Every structure is written in C-alpha cells, then in structure tokens.
Protein backbone atom coordinates (compact mmCIF):
# COMPACT_ATOMS: atom_id res chain seq x y z
CA MET A 1 49.39 8.13 -1.44
CA ASN A 2 51.06 8.33 -4.80
CA LEU A 3 49.45 9.69 -7.97
CA ILE A 4 48.88 6.24 -9.54
CA ASN A 5 46.94 4.95 -6.51
CA PHE A 6 44.95 8.21 -6.34
CA ASN A 7 43.99 7.88 -10.02
CA LYS A 8 42.88 4.25 -9.50
CA ILE A 9 40.69 5.20 -6.52
CA SER A 10 39.23 8.15 -8.45
CA ALA A 11 38.39 5.90 -11.41
CA ILE A 12 36.68 3.31 -9.18
CA ALA A 13 34.67 6.04 -7.41
CA MET A 14 33.57 7.48 -10.75
CA ILE A 15 32.43 4.05 -12.02
CA VAL A 16 30.45 3.42 -8.82
CA GLY A 17 28.88 6.89 -9.07
CA ILE A 18 27.87 6.38 -12.70
CA THR A 19 26.44 2.93 -11.92
CA VAL A 20 24.28 4.25 -9.06
CA CYS A 21 22.99 7.16 -11.15
CA ALA A 22 22.27 4.85 -14.10
CA VAL A 23 19.86 2.68 -12.07
CA PRO A 24 16.34 3.63 -13.15
CA LYS A 25 14.26 5.58 -10.65
CA SER A 26 11.67 2.81 -10.64
CA ALA A 27 14.28 0.38 -9.34
CA GLN A 28 15.32 2.82 -6.61
CA ALA A 29 11.75 3.65 -5.61
CA GLY A 30 9.25 1.38 -4.01
CA LEU A 31 9.20 1.17 -0.23
CA LEU A 32 6.48 3.41 1.15
CA GLN A 33 5.30 3.81 4.75
CA TYR A 34 1.56 4.30 5.28
CA SER A 35 -0.13 5.32 8.47
CA GLY A 36 -3.65 6.31 9.32
CA SER A 37 -6.71 6.21 11.51
CA PRO A 38 -10.00 5.12 9.98
CA ASN A 39 -11.92 6.78 12.80
CA ALA A 40 -11.59 9.62 15.28
CA GLY A 41 -8.09 8.68 16.41
CA GLU A 42 -9.08 5.57 18.36
CA THR A 43 -7.39 2.96 16.16
CA PHE A 44 -4.38 3.19 13.88
CA ILE A 45 -2.99 1.08 11.06
CA LYS A 46 0.60 1.25 9.83
CA PHE A 47 2.29 -0.74 7.11
CA GLN A 48 4.95 -0.65 4.43
CA LEU A 49 4.12 -1.14 0.78
CA ASP A 50 6.66 -2.31 -1.77
CA ASN A 51 5.16 -0.98 -4.99
CA ASN A 52 7.86 -2.73 -7.05
CA VAL A 53 6.41 -6.20 -6.34
CA PRO A 54 5.47 -7.71 -9.75
CA ASP A 55 2.03 -9.03 -10.64
CA SER A 56 2.16 -12.81 -10.27
CA GLN A 57 -0.97 -13.19 -12.45
CA GLY A 58 0.74 -11.64 -15.46
CA TYR A 59 -0.68 -9.99 -18.55
CA PRO A 60 -3.32 -9.86 -20.01
CA SER A 61 -5.29 -10.79 -16.90
CA ASN A 62 -8.01 -8.40 -15.72
CA THR A 63 -6.88 -8.97 -12.13
CA GLY A 64 -3.52 -8.58 -10.43
CA LEU A 65 -1.98 -10.39 -7.47
CA PHE A 66 1.00 -8.86 -5.69
CA VAL A 67 2.36 -11.42 -3.23
CA GLY A 68 3.89 -10.01 -0.06
CA ALA A 69 3.54 -6.38 -1.13
CA ILE A 70 2.38 -5.36 2.37
CA GLN A 71 5.04 -5.70 5.07
CA ASP A 72 5.38 -4.83 8.76
CA ALA A 73 1.65 -4.15 9.21
CA ARG A 74 0.31 -3.41 12.67
CA TYR A 75 -2.94 -2.21 14.18
CA SER A 76 -3.19 -0.45 17.52
CA CYS A 77 -5.77 1.10 19.80
CA ILE A 78 -5.66 3.87 22.36
CA PRO A 79 -6.12 2.44 25.90
CA GLU A 80 -9.68 3.79 26.21
CA SER A 81 -10.76 1.94 23.04
CA ILE A 82 -8.87 -1.32 23.43
CA SER A 83 -12.09 -3.24 22.78
CA LEU A 84 -11.82 -2.14 19.12
CA CYS A 85 -8.56 -4.15 18.97
CA ASN A 86 -10.12 -7.29 20.45
CA GLY A 87 -8.68 -6.47 23.88
CA LYS A 88 -5.10 -6.04 22.66
CA GLN A 89 -3.01 -2.88 22.59
CA ARG A 90 -1.32 -3.83 19.30
CA ILE A 91 -1.80 -6.53 16.68
CA ARG A 92 1.03 -7.41 14.28
CA PHE A 93 0.22 -9.00 10.93
CA GLN A 94 1.89 -11.41 8.56
CA PRO A 95 2.98 -10.07 5.15
CA GLY A 96 -0.09 -9.42 3.02
CA ASN A 97 -0.97 -9.77 -0.64
CA ILE A 98 -2.69 -7.10 -2.69
CA THR A 99 -5.42 -8.15 -5.12
CA ALA A 100 -6.17 -5.64 -7.88
CA SER A 101 -9.24 -5.67 -10.09
CA SER A 102 -10.83 -3.38 -12.63
CA ILE A 103 -13.88 -1.42 -11.54
CA THR A 104 -16.43 -2.09 -14.27
CA SER A 105 -19.66 -1.26 -12.40
CA LEU A 106 -20.94 0.10 -9.10
CA ASN A 107 -21.45 -3.50 -8.01
CA ASP A 108 -17.63 -3.88 -7.91
CA ILE A 109 -17.46 -1.23 -5.16
CA LYS A 110 -20.72 -1.92 -3.31
CA ASN A 111 -18.95 -1.95 0.09
CA TYR A 112 -17.42 1.49 -0.54
CA PRO A 113 -19.09 4.89 -0.79
CA GLY A 114 -17.89 5.19 -4.39
CA ASP A 115 -19.80 6.60 -7.35
CA ASN A 116 -19.75 6.29 -11.16
CA SER A 117 -16.52 8.31 -11.36
CA TYR A 118 -14.58 5.19 -10.19
CA ILE A 119 -15.80 3.03 -13.09
CA GLY A 120 -12.80 2.31 -15.31
CA GLY A 121 -10.42 2.65 -12.38
CA VAL A 122 -8.85 0.00 -10.16
CA LYS A 123 -9.69 -1.50 -6.76
CA TYR A 124 -6.81 -2.76 -4.57
CA GLU A 125 -7.77 -4.95 -1.61
CA VAL A 126 -5.77 -6.53 1.20
CA ARG A 127 -6.54 -9.00 3.96
CA LEU A 128 -4.01 -9.01 6.79
CA ASN A 129 -3.84 -12.02 9.11
CA SER A 130 -2.43 -11.71 12.61
CA LYS A 131 0.91 -13.32 13.42
CA ASN A 132 -0.28 -14.59 16.81
CA SER A 133 -4.06 -14.94 16.77
CA SER A 134 -7.08 -15.38 14.53
CA ASP A 135 -7.53 -11.61 14.17
CA PHE A 136 -7.59 -10.12 10.69
CA LEU A 137 -8.01 -6.72 9.09
CA GLU A 138 -9.11 -5.80 5.58
CA PHE A 139 -8.60 -2.56 3.73
CA GLY A 140 -9.12 -1.31 0.22
CA ILE A 141 -8.00 1.47 -2.08
CA LEU A 142 -10.10 2.74 -4.99
CA VAL A 143 -8.33 4.76 -7.67
CA LYS A 144 -10.22 6.64 -10.38
CA PRO A 145 -9.31 6.08 -14.05
CA SER A 146 -7.73 9.54 -14.20
CA GLN A 147 -4.90 8.07 -12.07
CA VAL A 148 -4.77 4.41 -13.17
CA ASN A 149 -6.43 2.01 -15.60
CA THR A 150 -4.25 -1.10 -15.37
CA VAL A 151 -4.35 -3.81 -12.70
CA ASN A 152 -0.87 -5.16 -13.46
CA SER A 153 1.29 -2.68 -11.53
CA LEU A 154 1.48 -1.14 -8.06
CA SER A 155 3.71 1.71 -9.21
CA VAL A 156 0.70 4.05 -9.21
CA LEU A 157 0.35 3.71 -5.42
CA THR A 158 2.53 6.66 -4.49
CA PRO A 159 2.06 9.23 -1.72
CA SER A 160 0.70 11.83 -4.15
CA VAL A 161 -1.89 9.44 -5.59
CA LEU A 162 -2.97 8.25 -2.12
CA LYS A 163 -3.52 11.87 -1.06
CA SER A 164 -5.38 12.71 -4.28
CA SER A 165 -9.11 13.39 -4.34
CA ASP A 166 -9.21 10.71 -7.08
CA THR A 167 -8.43 8.01 -4.48
CA TYR A 168 -10.50 6.49 -1.68
CA VAL A 169 -8.86 4.54 1.17
CA GLY A 170 -11.14 2.46 3.39
CA VAL A 171 -10.59 0.09 6.31
CA ARG A 172 -13.07 -2.47 7.66
CA SER A 173 -13.58 -3.00 11.37
CA LEU A 174 -11.26 -5.60 12.89
CA ASN A 175 -12.41 -9.17 12.10
CA SER A 176 -15.23 -7.98 9.82
CA GLN A 177 -15.54 -9.67 6.43
CA ASN A 178 -18.78 -8.16 5.24
CA GLY A 179 -18.77 -4.70 6.76
CA PHE A 180 -18.52 -1.37 5.02
CA PHE A 181 -15.06 0.09 4.38
CA ILE A 182 -14.74 3.11 6.69
CA GLY A 183 -13.10 6.01 4.90
CA ALA A 184 -9.70 7.00 6.22
CA GLY A 185 -9.66 10.20 4.16
CA SER A 186 -7.26 12.86 5.36
CA ASN A 187 -6.47 10.70 8.40
CA PHE A 188 -4.40 8.42 6.16
CA THR A 189 -0.96 9.51 5.00
CA ALA A 190 1.80 8.03 2.91
CA VAL A 191 5.45 8.95 3.24
CA SER A 192 8.05 7.85 0.71
CA HIS A 193 11.14 6.12 2.12
CA GLN A 194 13.21 6.55 -1.04
C-alpha cells in the first residue's frame, strides 16, 4: 500500500470515528432488557423497552402514549405452576404501547400500594396482548417526582431508576383487568443493552 492510499484510508477512518463519537448519547441509548418475577419465582416476564420512542400525544398533553415501546415480551411459568400461565409454558406478546399519566391523587394509583409520596410523579402502564391467543398481561411502573415529573418522555426509564426505591413496578395476574398490581420489587431487574 502506498502512502497516498494509506493517508486516504486514515482520513476516512478518522471521519467515521468522529461521526460516531458526535452522535448524542441519547441517540445511542434506548434499548433495555427487563426481566422479573412478580411472585416467588413461579412466573416470569421479560421484555425489551425502547425508551427513545417519542410521545405520539405531543406537548402539552398531561398524558403520553408511546406506541410500540415494548418489544419481544414473553411470560413463562415453571412446570409446577403452569396453571398461572393459563396452561401454557410460555406466552409471547405483540408489541405493546406505554401510556403515561401524571399522578395527581391517590385515586390515580388505587390499584397499587402507593402512598402520597408518588403524587406529582408519573404512572406508566402497559397492556400486552398475546400473539396467538386471547391472553393478556398488564403491568405498571410508578415513579416518584424526585425522579420524573413529565409524561412526555420515556428516557427516565433506565436501569438505575427502575432499581431505585423511588420506583414501584407491579404486574397484574394473567388475564386480570381489575386486580391489584403485585409488586415485583427486587425480583425485577433492568439491564442496559447499550
């Protein structure tokens, strides 16, 4: 390789390197893997969250809608508790939307064991519909105002926030629309895939 060709390749590599480094972190971040058991290790939920999905409601709405933010969601049971999964070992779900709303009173979180410290924060809720049956699963995330106070972005939903004591993650029983959200607590983890 002669010196001219080497200099051209070096220049192209430098431009590519600068371009990659110049992309904002928020554009590089986003895909998170979540996994957890809302009970004593009998059932498990896993999904990916793209926290870069924009709010389709737009400002200045007091609610947010993030279409398709939940991907590759699945729910599984250990063999001894397969009845909790409606007789199936694993249920795969269609992409799910996240609905965000401000928590203005305890009535907004009546199906969660939340207290006054969540008022001013945000509630994120998801309903996942099965790909192959009528099964569905709902879960919710409450975040105190010390972590978030806007409904128009998912960027706050990071592993550190989900593990924070200022956040509550709850899952309803399979196919339950009106049941209480069972706390996943320390059984629920988030791992960044950045």
